[in-house]
Amino acid sequence: MIPVVRVAPEDATHHVRLTLTLPDGTVRQLTPAGFHIIGALEMVAARLGQDLVITSAMDGEHSGPEDPHPNGRAFDVRTHDHSDPKRVVELTQLYLGDAKFHAFLEDEGKPNEHMHCQLRHGIMYP
């Protein structure tokens, strides 16, 4: 079964909600930090004139119970198909802002190379 993504209309707090229902019935919701990351990625893609592919968002646990992915506070983005992956990271960090978010290359130069971007641990957003 394919995970189901639903975008709900604005709620009483005027925030759009995006939820993901996994095959096992688990429901996860994208946080405001996740929306900020998506916005930054959109600006990077426009600036580069090239699509960015999110390879992991609210799925699975990557690094244990404190992993920010399932909580919609982190994304992995494919970089090995870009001519300058470090530029992708540099621009992403620029648009995310240094104070609350960070982006970096994981598995650089290997087949699984990707950019990881997330809300910094211990930071509340917004």
PDB file of N, CA and C in Angstrom:
ATOM      1  N   MET A   1       0.833  -1.184   0.000  1.00  0.00           N
ATOM      2  CA  MET A   1       0.000   0.000   0.000  1.00  0.00           C
ATOM      3  C   MET A   1       0.876   1.245   0.000  1.00  0.00           C
ATOM      4  N   ILE A   2       0.533   2.223  -0.781  1.00  0.00           N
ATOM      5  CA  ILE A   2       1.282   3.472  -0.900  1.00  0.00           C
ATOM      6  C   ILE A   2       0.833   4.431   0.205  1.00  0.00           C
ATOM      7  N   PRO A   3       1.793   5.118   0.872  1.00  0.00           N
ATOM      8  CA  PRO A   3       1.384   6.116   1.865  1.00  0.00           C
ATOM      9  C   PRO A   3       0.467   7.164   1.242  1.00  0.00           C
ATOM     10  N   VAL A   4      -0.460   7.655   2.040  1.00  0.00           N
ATOM     11  CA  VAL A   4      -1.418   8.646   1.566  1.00  0.00           C
ATOM     12  C   VAL A   4      -1.057  10.001   2.153  1.00  0.00           C
ATOM     13  N   VAL A   5      -0.944  11.002   1.296  1.00  0.00           N
ATOM     14  CA  VAL A   5      -0.668  12.362   1.748  1.00  0.00           C
ATOM     15  C   VAL A   5      -1.931  13.187   1.557  1.00  0.00           C
ATOM     16  N   ARG A   6      -2.325  13.913   2.571  1.00  0.00           N
ATOM     17  CA  ARG A   6      -3.503  14.760   2.486  1.00  0.00           C
ATOM     18  C   ARG A   6      -3.129  16.181   2.898  1.00  0.00           C
ATOM     19  N   VAL A   7      -3.620  17.134   2.147  1.00  0.00           N
ATOM     20  CA  VAL A   7      -3.444  18.532   2.510  1.00  0.00           C
ATOM     21  C   VAL A   7      -4.808  19.047   2.922  1.00  0.00           C
ATOM     22  N   ALA A   8      -4.911  19.485   4.173  1.00  0.00           N
ATOM     23  CA  ALA A   8      -6.180  19.975   4.701  1.00  0.00           C
ATOM     24  C   ALA A   8      -6.238  21.487   4.545  1.00  0.00           C
ATOM     25  N   PRO A   9      -7.439  22.018   4.413  1.00  0.00           N
ATOM     26  CA  PRO A   9      -7.556  23.483   4.340  1.00  0.00           C
ATOM     27  C   PRO A   9      -7.089  24.114   5.645  1.00  0.00           C
ATOM     28  N   GLU A  10      -6.921  25.393   5.591  1.00  0.00           N
ATOM     29  CA  GLU A  10      -6.466  26.111   6.783  1.00  0.00           C
ATOM     30  C   GLU A  10      -7.386  25.827   7.958  1.00  0.00           C
ATOM     31  N   ASP A  11      -6.767  25.641   9.118  1.00  0.00           N
ATOM     32  CA  ASP A  11      -7.554  25.409  10.318  1.00  0.00           C
ATOM     33  C   ASP A  11      -7.787  26.738  11.038  1.00  0.00           C
ATOM     34  N   ALA A  12      -8.294  26.664  12.252  1.00  0.00           N
ATOM     35  CA  ALA A  12      -8.644  27.876  12.999  1.00  0.00           C
ATOM     36  C   ALA A  12      -7.438  28.778  13.251  1.00  0.00           C
ATOM     37  N   THR A  13      -6.228  28.191  13.232  1.00  0.00           N
ATOM     38  CA  THR A  13      -5.035  29.011  13.455  1.00  0.00           C
ATOM     39  C   THR A  13      -4.461  29.520  12.142  1.00  0.00           C
ATOM     40  N   HIS A  14      -5.185  29.282  11.046  1.00  0.00           N
ATOM     41  CA  HIS A  14      -4.780  29.737   9.715  1.00  0.00           C
ATOM     42  C   HIS A  14      -3.500  29.071   9.223  1.00  0.00           C
ATOM     43  N   HIS A  15      -3.301  27.825   9.626  1.00  0.00           N
ATOM     44  CA  HIS A  15      -2.178  27.048   9.131  1.00  0.00           C
ATOM     45  C   HIS A  15      -2.703  25.902   8.281  1.00  0.00           C
ATOM     46  N   VAL A  16      -2.086  25.686   7.145  1.00  0.00           N
ATOM     47  CA  VAL A  16      -2.414  24.523   6.324  1.00  0.00           C
ATOM     48  C   VAL A  16      -1.793  23.312   7.008  1.00  0.00           C
ATOM     49  N   ARG A  17      -2.522  22.211   7.037  1.00  0.00           N
ATOM     50  CA  ARG A  17      -2.000  20.991   7.646  1.00  0.00           C
ATOM     51  C   ARG A  17      -1.748  19.955   6.557  1.00  0.00           C
ATOM     52  N   LEU A  18      -0.593  19.315   6.620  1.00  0.00           N
ATOM     53  CA  LEU A  18      -0.288  18.229   5.710  1.00  0.00           C
ATOM     54  C   LEU A  18      -0.050  16.992   6.564  1.00  0.00           C
ATOM     55  N   THR A  19      -0.805  15.932   6.299  1.00  0.00           N
ATOM     56  CA  THR A  19      -0.622  14.696   7.039  1.00  0.00           C
ATOM     57  C   THR A  19      -0.256  13.570   6.087  1.00  0.00           C
ATOM     58  N   LEU A  20       0.474  12.614   6.605  1.00  0.00           N
ATOM     59  CA  LEU A  20       0.888  11.441   5.862  1.00  0.00           C
ATOM     60  C   LEU A  20       0.385  10.225   6.622  1.00  0.00           C
ATOM     61  N   THR A  21      -0.365   9.364   5.951  1.00  0.00           N
ATOM     62  CA  THR A  21      -0.816   8.117   6.557  1.00  0.00           C
ATOM     63  C   THR A  21       0.013   6.983   5.960  1.00  0.00           C
ATOM     64  N   LEU A  22       0.768   6.297   6.814  1.00  0.00           N
ATOM     65  CA  LEU A  22       1.627   5.202   6.375  1.00  0.00           C
ATOM     66  C   LEU A  22       0.813   3.924   6.214  1.00  0.00           C
ATOM     67  N   PRO A  23       1.352   2.932   5.499  1.00  0.00           N
ATOM     68  CA  PRO A  23       0.615   1.681   5.293  1.00  0.00           C
ATOM     69  C   PRO A  23       0.154   1.000   6.577  1.00  0.00           C
ATOM     70  N   ASP A  24       0.904   1.185   7.669  1.00  0.00           N
ATOM     71  CA  ASP A  24       0.492   0.552   8.932  1.00  0.00           C
ATOM     72  C   ASP A  24      -0.552   1.360   9.691  1.00  0.00           C
ATOM     73  N   GLY A  25      -1.019   2.464   9.098  1.00  0.00           N
ATOM     74  CA  GLY A  25      -2.039   3.297   9.723  1.00  0.00           C
ATOM     75  C   GLY A  25      -1.500   4.453  10.536  1.00  0.00           C
ATOM     76  N   THR A  26      -0.184   4.510  10.710  1.00  0.00           N
ATOM     77  CA  THR A  26       0.429   5.612  11.436  1.00  0.00           C
ATOM     78  C   THR A  26       0.175   6.912  10.684  1.00  0.00           C
ATOM     79  N   VAL A  27      -0.219   7.945  11.422  1.00  0.00           N
ATOM     80  CA  VAL A  27      -0.468   9.255  10.816  1.00  0.00           C
ATOM     81  C   VAL A  27       0.588  10.224  11.339  1.00  0.00           C
ATOM     82  N   ARG A  28       1.223  10.912  10.420  1.00  0.00           N
ATOM     83  CA  ARG A  28       2.239  11.908  10.787  1.00  0.00           C
ATOM     84  C   ARG A  28       1.850  13.237  10.167  1.00  0.00           C
ATOM     85  N   GLN A  29       2.207  14.314  10.870  1.00  0.00           N
ATOM     86  CA  GLN A  29       1.849  15.648  10.398  1.00  0.00           C
ATOM     87  C   GLN A  29       3.104  16.479  10.186  1.00  0.00           C
ATOM     88  N   LEU A  30       3.152  17.185   9.055  1.00  0.00           N
ATOM     89  CA  LEU A  30       4.266  18.069   8.760  1.00  0.00           C
ATOM     90  C   LEU A  30       4.188  19.281   9.677  1.00  0.00           C
ATOM     91  N   THR A  31       5.304  19.616  10.284  1.00  0.00           N
ATOM     92  CA  THR A  31       5.363  20.742  11.210  1.00  0.00           C
ATOM     93  C   THR A  31       5.611  22.049  10.453  1.00  0.00           C
ATOM     94  N   PRO A  32       5.426  23.195  11.114  1.00  0.00           N
ATOM     95  CA  PRO A  32       5.782  24.466  10.480  1.00  0.00           C
ATOM     96  C   PRO A  32       7.251  24.489  10.015  1.00  0.00           C
ATOM     97  N   ALA A  33       8.133  23.838  10.763  1.00  0.00           N
ATOM     98  CA  ALA A  33       9.535  23.766  10.346  1.00  0.00           C
ATOM     99  C   ALA A  33       9.653  23.042   9.012  1.00  0.00           C
ATOM    100  N   GLY A  34       8.869  22.001   8.825  1.00  0.00           N
ATOM    101  CA  GLY A  34       8.879  21.266   7.563  1.00  0.00           C
ATOM    102  C   GLY A  34       8.418  22.128   6.405  1.00  0.00           C
ATOM    103  N   PHE A  35       7.384  22.923   6.633  1.00  0.00           N
ATOM    104  CA  PHE A  35       6.928  23.844   5.588  1.00  0.00           C
ATOM    105  C   PHE A  35       8.017  24.860   5.254  1.00  0.00           C
ATOM    106  N   HIS A  36       8.752  25.324   6.276  1.00  0.00           N
ATOM    107  CA  HIS A  36       9.850  26.268   6.038  1.00  0.00           C
ATOM    108  C   HIS A  36      10.934  25.616   5.170  1.00  0.00           C
ATOM    109  N   ILE A  37      11.261  24.366   5.475  1.00  0.00           N
ATOM    110  CA  ILE A  37      12.273  23.650   4.696  1.00  0.00           C
ATOM    111  C   ILE A  37      11.811  23.500   3.251  1.00  0.00           C
ATOM    112  N   ILE A  38      10.556  23.117   3.047  1.00  0.00           N
ATOM    113  CA  ILE A  38      10.035  22.981   1.688  1.00  0.00           C
ATOM    114  C   ILE A  38      10.114  24.315   0.942  1.00  0.00           C
ATOM    115  N   GLY A  39       9.795  25.408   1.617  1.00  0.00           N
ATOM    116  CA  GLY A  39       9.887  26.734   0.995  1.00  0.00           C
ATOM    117  C   GLY A  39      11.305  27.063   0.581  1.00  0.00           C
ATOM    118  N   ALA A  40      12.267  26.746   1.438  1.00  0.00           N
ATOM    119  CA  ALA A  40      13.673  26.996   1.106  1.00  0.00           C
ATOM    120  C   ALA A  40      14.104  26.146  -0.082  1.00  0.00           C
ATOM    121  N   LEU A  41      13.690  24.884  -0.099  1.00  0.00           N
ATOM    122  CA  LEU A  41      14.039  24.007  -1.216  1.00  0.00           C
ATOM    123  C   LEU A  41      13.438  24.498  -2.522  1.00  0.00           C
ATOM    124  N   GLU A  42      12.224  25.033  -2.444  1.00  0.00           N
ATOM    125  CA  GLU A  42      11.588  25.589  -3.636  1.00  0.00           C
ATOM    126  C   GLU A  42      12.410  26.758  -4.188  1.00  0.00           C
ATOM    127  N   MET A  43      12.914  27.619  -3.298  1.00  0.00           N
ATOM    128  CA  MET A  43      13.728  28.755  -3.742  1.00  0.00           C
ATOM    129  C   MET A  43      15.054  28.297  -4.330  1.00  0.00           C
ATOM    130  N   VAL A  44      15.658  27.260  -3.741  1.00  0.00           N
ATOM    131  CA  VAL A  44      16.915  26.728  -4.270  1.00  0.00           C
ATOM    132  C   VAL A  44      16.696  26.152  -5.660  1.00  0.00           C
ATOM    133  N   ALA A  45      15.639  25.374  -5.829  1.00  0.00           N
ATOM    134  CA  ALA A  45      15.343  24.783  -7.139  1.00  0.00           C
ATOM    135  C   ALA A  45      15.141  25.871  -8.196  1.00  0.00           C
ATOM    136  N   ALA A  46      14.437  26.927  -7.831  1.00  0.00           N
ATOM    137  CA  ALA A  46      14.202  28.026  -8.772  1.00  0.00           C
ATOM    138  C   ALA A  46      15.519  28.715  -9.119  1.00  0.00           C
ATOM    139  N   ARG A  47      16.346  28.942  -8.131  1.00  0.00           N
ATOM    140  CA  ARG A  47      17.624  29.628  -8.370  1.00  0.00           C
ATOM    141  C   ARG A  47      18.550  28.794  -9.251  1.00  0.00           C
ATOM    142  N   LEU A  48      18.554  27.475  -9.027  1.00  0.00           N
ATOM    143  CA  LEU A  48      19.414  26.587  -9.812  1.00  0.00           C
ATOM    144  C   LEU A  48      18.808  26.237 -11.165  1.00  0.00           C
ATOM    145  N   GLY A  49      17.500  26.428 -11.287  1.00  0.00           N
ATOM    146  CA  GLY A  49      16.819  26.026 -12.516  1.00  0.00           C
ATOM    147  C   GLY A  49      16.792  24.519 -12.690  1.00  0.00           C
ATOM    148  N   GLN A  50      16.766  23.812 -11.564  1.00  0.00           N
ATOM    149  CA  GLN A  50      16.813  22.344 -11.590  1.00  0.00           C
ATOM    150  C   GLN A  50      15.969  21.811 -10.438  1.00  0.00           C
ATOM    151  N   ASP A  51      15.253  20.729 -10.697  1.00  0.00           N
ATOM    152  CA  ASP A  51      14.435  20.124  -9.649  1.00  0.00           C
ATOM    153  C   ASP A  51      15.298  19.593  -8.516  1.00  0.00           C
ATOM    154  N   LEU A  52      14.748  19.624  -7.320  1.00  0.00           N
ATOM    155  CA  LEU A  52      15.334  18.949  -6.166  1.00  0.00           C
ATOM    156  C   LEU A  52      14.390  17.806  -5.811  1.00  0.00           C
ATOM    157  N   VAL A  53      14.943  16.638  -5.564  1.00  0.00           N
ATOM    158  CA  VAL A  53      14.133  15.461  -5.253  1.00  0.00           C
ATOM    159  C   VAL A  53      14.269  15.133  -3.774  1.00  0.00           C
ATOM    160  N   ILE A  54      13.156  15.219  -3.051  1.00  0.00           N
ATOM    161  CA  ILE A  54      13.130  14.830  -1.645  1.00  0.00           C
ATOM    162  C   ILE A  54      13.039  13.315  -1.606  1.00  0.00           C
ATOM    163  N   THR A  55      14.021  12.686  -0.975  1.00  0.00           N
ATOM    164  CA  THR A  55      14.051  11.227  -0.921  1.00  0.00           C
ATOM    165  C   THR A  55      13.544  10.682   0.404  1.00  0.00           C
ATOM    166  N   SER A  56      13.478  11.529   1.418  1.00  0.00           N
ATOM    167  CA  SER A  56      12.945  11.102   2.702  1.00  0.00           C
ATOM    168  C   SER A  56      12.384  12.308   3.427  1.00  0.00           C
ATOM    169  N   ALA A  57      11.218  12.118   3.996  1.00  0.00           N
ATOM    170  CA  ALA A  57      10.578  13.210   4.737  1.00  0.00           C
ATOM    171  C   ALA A  57      10.021  12.655   6.041  1.00  0.00           C
ATOM    172  N   MET A  58       8.741  12.359   6.073  1.00  0.00           N
ATOM    173  CA  MET A  58       8.099  11.909   7.302  1.00  0.00           C
ATOM    174  C   MET A  58       8.015  10.393   7.396  1.00  0.00           C
ATOM    175  N   ASP A  59       8.856   9.707   6.659  1.00  0.00           N
ATOM    176  CA  ASP A  59       8.820   8.251   6.636  1.00  0.00           C
ATOM    177  C   ASP A  59       9.911   7.650   7.515  1.00  0.00           C
ATOM    178  N   GLY A  60       9.598   6.600   8.188  1.00  0.00           N
ATOM    179  CA  GLY A  60      10.579   5.817   8.935  1.00  0.00           C
ATOM    180  C   GLY A  60      11.332   6.569  10.000  1.00  0.00           C
ATOM    181  N   GLU A  61      12.196   5.829  10.687  1.00  0.00           N
ATOM    182  CA  GLU A  61      13.127   6.411  11.641  1.00  0.00           C
ATOM    183  C   GLU A  61      14.522   6.152  11.119  1.00  0.00           C
ATOM    184  N   HIS A  62      15.303   7.190  11.067  1.00  0.00           N
ATOM    185  CA  HIS A  62      16.642   7.077  10.513  1.00  0.00           C
ATOM    186  C   HIS A  62      17.689   6.953  11.605  1.00  0.00           C
ATOM    187  N   SER A  63      17.469   7.625  12.711  1.00  0.00           N
ATOM    188  CA  SER A  63      18.509   7.674  13.744  1.00  0.00           C
ATOM    189  C   SER A  63      17.950   7.511  15.150  1.00  0.00           C
ATOM    190  N   GLY A  64      16.854   6.806  15.293  1.00  0.00           N
ATOM    191  CA  GLY A  64      16.324   6.539  16.623  1.00  0.00           C
ATOM    192  C   GLY A  64      15.125   7.384  16.986  1.00  0.00           C
ATOM    193  N   PRO A  65      14.717   7.303  18.241  1.00  0.00           N
ATOM    194  CA  PRO A  65      13.468   7.950  18.673  1.00  0.00           C
ATOM    195  C   PRO A  65      13.462   9.474  18.600  1.00  0.00           C
ATOM    196  N   GLU A  66      14.612  10.104  18.594  1.00  0.00           N
ATOM    197  CA  GLU A  66      14.680  11.569  18.500  1.00  0.00           C
ATOM    198  C   GLU A  66      14.844  12.049  17.067  1.00  0.00           C
ATOM    199  N   ASP A  67      14.759  11.127  16.119  1.00  0.00           N
ATOM    200  CA  ASP A  67      14.931  11.466  14.711  1.00  0.00           C
ATOM    201  C   ASP A  67      13.889  12.501  14.290  1.00  0.00           C
ATOM    202  N   PRO A  68      14.315  13.598  13.655  1.00  0.00           N
ATOM    203  CA  PRO A  68      13.370  14.645  13.258  1.00  0.00           C
ATOM    204  C   PRO A  68      12.557  14.327  12.001  1.00  0.00           C
ATOM    205  N   HIS A  69      12.922  13.285  11.255  1.00  0.00           N
ATOM    206  CA  HIS A  69      12.180  12.944  10.035  1.00  0.00           C
ATOM    207  C   HIS A  69      10.705  12.625  10.301  1.00  0.00           C
ATOM    208  N   PRO A  70      10.389  11.687  11.182  1.00  0.00           N
ATOM    209  CA  PRO A  70       8.978  11.327  11.375  1.00  0.00           C
ATOM    210  C   PRO A  70       8.118  12.478  11.878  1.00  0.00           C
ATOM    211  N   ASN A  71       8.746  13.453  12.503  1.00  0.00           N
ATOM    212  CA  ASN A  71       8.011  14.584  13.048  1.00  0.00           C
ATOM    213  C   ASN A  71       7.929  15.758  12.073  1.00  0.00           C
ATOM    214  N   GLY A  72       8.350  15.545  10.832  1.00  0.00           N
ATOM    215  CA  GLY A  72       8.240  16.592   9.821  1.00  0.00           C
ATOM    216  C   GLY A  72       9.184  17.753  10.016  1.00  0.00           C
ATOM    217  N   ARG A  73      10.320  17.500  10.683  1.00  0.00           N
ATOM    218  CA  ARG A  73      11.290  18.561  10.927  1.00  0.00           C
ATOM    219  C   ARG A  73      12.603  18.350  10.177  1.00  0.00           C
ATOM    220  N   ALA A  74      12.641  17.334   9.288  1.00  0.00           N
ATOM    221  CA  ALA A  74      13.867  17.061   8.527  1.00  0.00           C
ATOM    222  C   ALA A  74      13.521  16.420   7.191  1.00  0.00           C
ATOM    223  N   PHE A  75      14.382  16.691   6.201  1.00  0.00           N
ATOM    224  CA  PHE A  75      14.225  16.125   4.877  1.00  0.00           C
ATOM    225  C   PHE A  75      15.587  15.707   4.347  1.00  0.00           C
ATOM    226  N   ASP A  76      15.590  14.672   3.531  1.00  0.00           N
ATOM    227  CA  ASP A  76      16.773  14.303   2.767  1.00  0.00           C
ATOM    228  C   ASP A  76      16.481  14.630   1.308  1.00  0.00           C
ATOM    229  N   VAL A  77      17.493  15.151   0.629  1.00  0.00           N
ATOM    230  CA  VAL A  77      17.341  15.589  -0.758  1.00  0.00           C
ATOM    231  C   VAL A  77      18.476  14.994  -1.578  1.00  0.00           C
ATOM    232  N   ARG A  78      18.143  14.386  -2.714  1.00  0.00           N
ATOM    233  CA  ARG A  78      19.148  13.789  -3.593  1.00  0.00           C
ATOM    234  C   ARG A  78      20.088  14.874  -4.105  1.00  0.00           C
ATOM    235  N   THR A  79      21.397  14.594  -4.073  1.00  0.00           N
ATOM    236  CA  THR A  79      22.377  15.556  -4.585  1.00  0.00           C
ATOM    237  C   THR A  79      23.302  14.962  -5.631  1.00  0.00           C
ATOM    238  N   HIS A  80      23.399  13.642  -5.709  1.00  0.00           N
ATOM    239  CA  HIS A  80      24.383  13.051  -6.618  1.00  0.00           C
ATOM    240  C   HIS A  80      24.083  13.313  -8.089  1.00  0.00           C
ATOM    241  N   ASP A  81      22.891  13.821  -8.404  1.00  0.00           N
ATOM    242  CA  ASP A  81      22.588  14.161  -9.800  1.00  0.00           C
ATOM    243  C   ASP A  81      22.781  15.650 -10.084  1.00  0.00           C
ATOM    244  N   HIS A  82      23.374  16.377  -9.151  1.00  0.00           N
ATOM    245  CA  HIS A  82      23.684  17.801  -9.338  1.00  0.00           C
ATOM    246  C   HIS A  82      25.183  17.950  -9.588  1.00  0.00           C
ATOM    247  N   SER A  83      25.545  18.876 -10.458  1.00  0.00           N
ATOM    248  CA  SER A  83      26.963  19.064 -10.789  1.00  0.00           C
ATOM    249  C   SER A  83      27.769  19.616  -9.615  1.00  0.00           C
ATOM    250  N   ASP A  84      27.112  20.345  -8.704  1.00  0.00           N
ATOM    251  CA  ASP A  84      27.803  20.939  -7.561  1.00  0.00           C
ATOM    252  C   ASP A  84      26.961  20.763  -6.297  1.00  0.00           C
ATOM    253  N   PRO A  85      26.999  19.564  -5.700  1.00  0.00           N
ATOM    254  CA  PRO A  85      26.189  19.306  -4.506  1.00  0.00           C
ATOM    255  C   PRO A  85      26.456  20.284  -3.352  1.00  0.00           C
ATOM    256  N   LYS A  86      27.700  20.727  -3.231  1.00  0.00           N
ATOM    257  CA  LYS A  86      28.019  21.661  -2.145  1.00  0.00           C
ATOM    258  C   LYS A  86      27.305  23.001  -2.347  1.00  0.00           C
ATOM    259  N   ARG A  87      27.107  23.385  -3.591  1.00  0.00           N
ATOM    260  CA  ARG A  87      26.358  24.617  -3.890  1.00  0.00           C
ATOM    261  C   ARG A  87      24.888  24.444  -3.493  1.00  0.00           C
ATOM    262  N   VAL A  88      24.329  23.267  -3.722  1.00  0.00           N
ATOM    263  CA  VAL A  88      22.955  22.985  -3.301  1.00  0.00           C
ATOM    264  C   VAL A  88      22.829  23.168  -1.788  1.00  0.00           C
ATOM    265  N   VAL A  89      23.785  22.623  -1.049  1.00  0.00           N
ATOM    266  CA  VAL A  89      23.771  22.748   0.410  1.00  0.00           C
ATOM    267  C   VAL A  89      23.943  24.203   0.825  1.00  0.00           C
ATOM    268  N   GLU A  90      24.876  24.897   0.200  1.00  0.00           N
ATOM    269  CA  GLU A  90      25.149  26.307   0.515  1.00  0.00           C
ATOM    270  C   GLU A  90      23.898  27.172   0.323  1.00  0.00           C
ATOM    271  N   LEU A  91      23.239  26.996  -0.808  1.00  0.00           N
ATOM    272  CA  LEU A  91      22.027  27.781  -1.077  1.00  0.00           C
ATOM    273  C   LEU A  91      20.888  27.399  -0.126  1.00  0.00           C
ATOM    274  N   THR A  92      20.766  26.119   0.150  1.00  0.00           N
ATOM    275  CA  THR A  92      19.712  25.680   1.074  1.00  0.00           C
ATOM    276  C   THR A  92      19.922  26.319   2.438  1.00  0.00           C
ATOM    277  N   GLN A  93      21.169  26.310   2.918  1.00  0.00           N
ATOM    278  CA  GLN A  93      21.454  26.913   4.221  1.00  0.00           C
ATOM    279  C   GLN A  93      21.170  28.413   4.197  1.00  0.00           C
ATOM    280  N   LEU A  94      21.492  29.049   3.096  1.00  0.00           N
ATOM    281  CA  LEU A  94      21.225  30.482   2.951  1.00  0.00           C
ATOM    282  C   LEU A  94      19.729  30.766   3.104  1.00  0.00           C
ATOM    283  N   TYR A  95      18.901  29.992   2.404  1.00  0.00           N
ATOM    284  CA  TYR A  95      17.456  30.233   2.441  1.00  0.00           C
ATOM    285  C   TYR A  95      16.805  29.730   3.726  1.00  0.00           C
ATOM    286  N   LEU A  96      17.407  28.723   4.377  1.00  0.00           N
ATOM    287  CA  LEU A  96      16.867  28.256   5.666  1.00  0.00           C
ATOM    288  C   LEU A  96      17.176  29.242   6.780  1.00  0.00           C
ATOM    289  N   GLY A  97      18.362  29.848   6.735  1.00  0.00           N
ATOM    290  CA  GLY A  97      18.844  30.692   7.821  1.00  0.00           C
ATOM    291  C   GLY A  97      19.645  29.835   8.793  1.00  0.00           C
ATOM    292  N   ASP A  98      20.723  30.379   9.306  1.00  0.00           N
ATOM    293  CA  ASP A  98      21.628  29.610  10.168  1.00  0.00           C
ATOM    294  C   ASP A  98      21.122  29.410  11.589  1.00  0.00           C
ATOM    295  N   ALA A  99      20.347  30.325  12.099  1.00  0.00           N
ATOM    296  CA  ALA A  99      20.012  30.313  13.522  1.00  0.00           C
ATOM    297  C   ALA A  99      19.211  29.087  13.954  1.00  0.00           C
ATOM    298  N   LYS A 100      18.257  28.668  13.157  1.00  0.00           N
ATOM    299  CA  LYS A 100      17.353  27.595  13.590  1.00  0.00           C
ATOM    300  C   LYS A 100      17.457  26.316  12.760  1.00  0.00           C
ATOM    301  N   PHE A 101      18.097  26.378  11.613  1.00  0.00           N
ATOM    302  CA  PHE A 101      18.145  25.224  10.704  1.00  0.00           C
ATOM    303  C   PHE A 101      19.572  24.959  10.261  1.00  0.00           C
ATOM    304  N   HIS A 102      19.825  23.723   9.849  1.00  0.00           N
ATOM    305  CA  HIS A 102      21.108  23.446   9.220  1.00  0.00           C
ATOM    306  C   HIS A 102      20.953  22.395   8.134  1.00  0.00           C
ATOM    307  N   ALA A 103      21.873  22.458   7.166  1.00  0.00           N
ATOM    308  CA  ALA A 103      21.888  21.545   6.028  1.00  0.00           C
ATOM    309  C   ALA A 103      23.328  21.083   5.823  1.00  0.00           C
ATOM    310  N   PHE A 104      23.484  19.815   5.458  1.00  0.00           N
ATOM    311  CA  PHE A 104      24.825  19.279   5.235  1.00  0.00           C
ATOM    312  C   PHE A 104      24.739  18.045   4.343  1.00  0.00           C
ATOM    313  N   LEU A 105      25.869  17.681   3.727  1.00  0.00           N
ATOM    314  CA  LEU A 105      25.936  16.491   2.884  1.00  0.00           C
ATOM    315  C   LEU A 105      26.184  15.265   3.754  1.00  0.00           C
ATOM    316  N   GLU A 106      25.457  14.207   3.478  1.00  0.00           N
ATOM    317  CA  GLU A 106      25.705  12.913   4.108  1.00  0.00           C
ATOM    318  C   GLU A 106      26.187  11.962   3.020  1.00  0.00           C
ATOM    319  N   ASP A 107      27.079  11.065   3.385  1.00  0.00           N
ATOM    320  CA  ASP A 107      27.631  10.064   2.466  1.00  0.00           C
ATOM    321  C   ASP A 107      28.221  10.703   1.215  1.00  0.00           C
ATOM    322  N   GLU A 108      28.950  11.801   1.404  1.00  0.00           N
ATOM    323  CA  GLU A 108      29.515  12.539   0.270  1.00  0.00           C
ATOM    324  C   GLU A 108      30.379  11.644  -0.612  1.00  0.00           C
ATOM    325  N   GLY A 109      30.119  11.704  -1.929  1.00  0.00           N
ATOM    326  CA  GLY A 109      30.877  10.943  -2.903  1.00  0.00           C
ATOM    327  C   GLY A 109      30.493   9.477  -3.013  1.00  0.00           C
ATOM    328  N   LYS A 110      29.515   9.041  -2.236  1.00  0.00           N
ATOM    329  CA  LYS A 110      29.065   7.654  -2.267  1.00  0.00           C
ATOM    330  C   LYS A 110      27.711   7.564  -2.968  1.00  0.00           C
ATOM    331  N   PRO A 111      27.286   6.363  -3.338  1.00  0.00           N
ATOM    332  CA  PRO A 111      26.000   6.228  -4.049  1.00  0.00           C
ATOM    333  C   PRO A 111      24.797   6.787  -3.276  1.00  0.00           C
ATOM    334  N   ASN A 112      24.878   6.788  -1.954  1.00  0.00           N
ATOM    335  CA  ASN A 112      23.774   7.298  -1.134  1.00  0.00           C
ATOM    336  C   ASN A 112      23.934   8.783  -0.789  1.00  0.00           C
ATOM    337  N   GLU A 113      24.818   9.495  -1.478  1.00  0.00           N
ATOM    338  CA  GLU A 113      25.025  10.910  -1.173  1.00  0.00           C
ATOM    339  C   GLU A 113      23.703  11.668  -1.233  1.00  0.00           C
ATOM    340  N   HIS A 114      23.477  12.480  -0.210  1.00  0.00           N
ATOM    341  CA  HIS A 114      22.272  13.309  -0.164  1.00  0.00           C
ATOM    342  C   HIS A 114      22.494  14.454   0.811  1.00  0.00           C
ATOM    343  N   MET A 115      21.657  15.456   0.683  1.00  0.00           N
ATOM    344  CA  MET A 115      21.673  16.568   1.624  1.00  0.00           C
ATOM    345  C   MET A 115      20.636  16.280   2.702  1.00  0.00           C
ATOM    346  N   HIS A 116      21.033  16.476   3.937  1.00  0.00           N
ATOM    347  CA  HIS A 116      20.107  16.386   5.061  1.00  0.00           C
ATOM    348  C   HIS A 116      19.886  17.810   5.542  1.00  0.00           C
ATOM    349  N   CYS A 117      18.633  18.233   5.689  1.00  0.00           N
ATOM    350  CA  CYS A 117      18.346  19.553   6.245  1.00  0.00           C
ATOM    351  C   CYS A 117      17.276  19.394   7.312  1.00  0.00           C
ATOM    352  N   GLN A 118      17.443  20.141   8.391  1.00  0.00           N
ATOM    353  CA  GLN A 118      16.536  19.986   9.517  1.00  0.00           C
ATOM    354  C   GLN A 118      16.527  21.205  10.425  1.00  0.00           C
ATOM    355  N   LEU A 119      15.498  21.244  11.247  1.00  0.00           N
ATOM    356  CA  LEU A 119      15.442  22.184  12.357  1.00  0.00           C
ATOM    357  C   LEU A 119      16.493  21.728  13.364  1.00  0.00           C
ATOM    358  N   ARG A 120      17.280  22.649  13.872  1.00  0.00           N
ATOM    359  CA  ARG A 120      18.311  22.286  14.851  1.00  0.00           C
ATOM    360  C   ARG A 120      17.662  21.678  16.090  1.00  0.00           C
ATOM    361  N   HIS A 121      18.338  20.694  16.675  1.00  0.00           N
ATOM    362  CA  HIS A 121      17.827  20.037  17.885  1.00  0.00           C
ATOM    363  C   HIS A 121      17.653  21.054  19.011  1.00  0.00           C
ATOM    364  N   GLY A 122      16.573  20.946  19.728  1.00  0.00           N
ATOM    365  CA  GLY A 122      16.310  21.806  20.865  1.00  0.00           C
ATOM    366  C   GLY A 122      15.728  23.175  20.510  1.00  0.00           C
ATOM    367  N   ILE A 123      15.484  23.432  19.234  1.00  0.00           N
ATOM    368  CA  ILE A 123      14.962  24.738  18.782  1.00  0.00           C
ATOM    369  C   ILE A 123      13.478  24.607  18.523  1.00  0.00           C
ATOM    370  N   MET A 124      12.725  25.598  18.951  1.00  0.00           N
ATOM    371  CA  MET A 124      11.291  25.659  18.657  1.00  0.00           C
ATOM    372  C   MET A 124      11.097  26.529  17.422  1.00  0.00           C
ATOM    373  N   TYR A 125      10.170  26.107  16.555  1.00  0.00           N
ATOM    374  CA  TYR A 125       9.874  26.891  15.367  1.00  0.00           C
ATOM    375  C   TYR A 125       8.368  26.868  15.151  1.00  0.00           C
ATOM    376  N   PRO A 126       7.732  27.950  14.841  1.00  0.00           N
ATOM    377  CA  PRO A 126       8.307  29.268  14.653  1.00  0.00           C
ATOM    378  C   PRO A 126       8.625  29.939  15.963  1.00  0.00           C
TER     379      PRO A 126
END
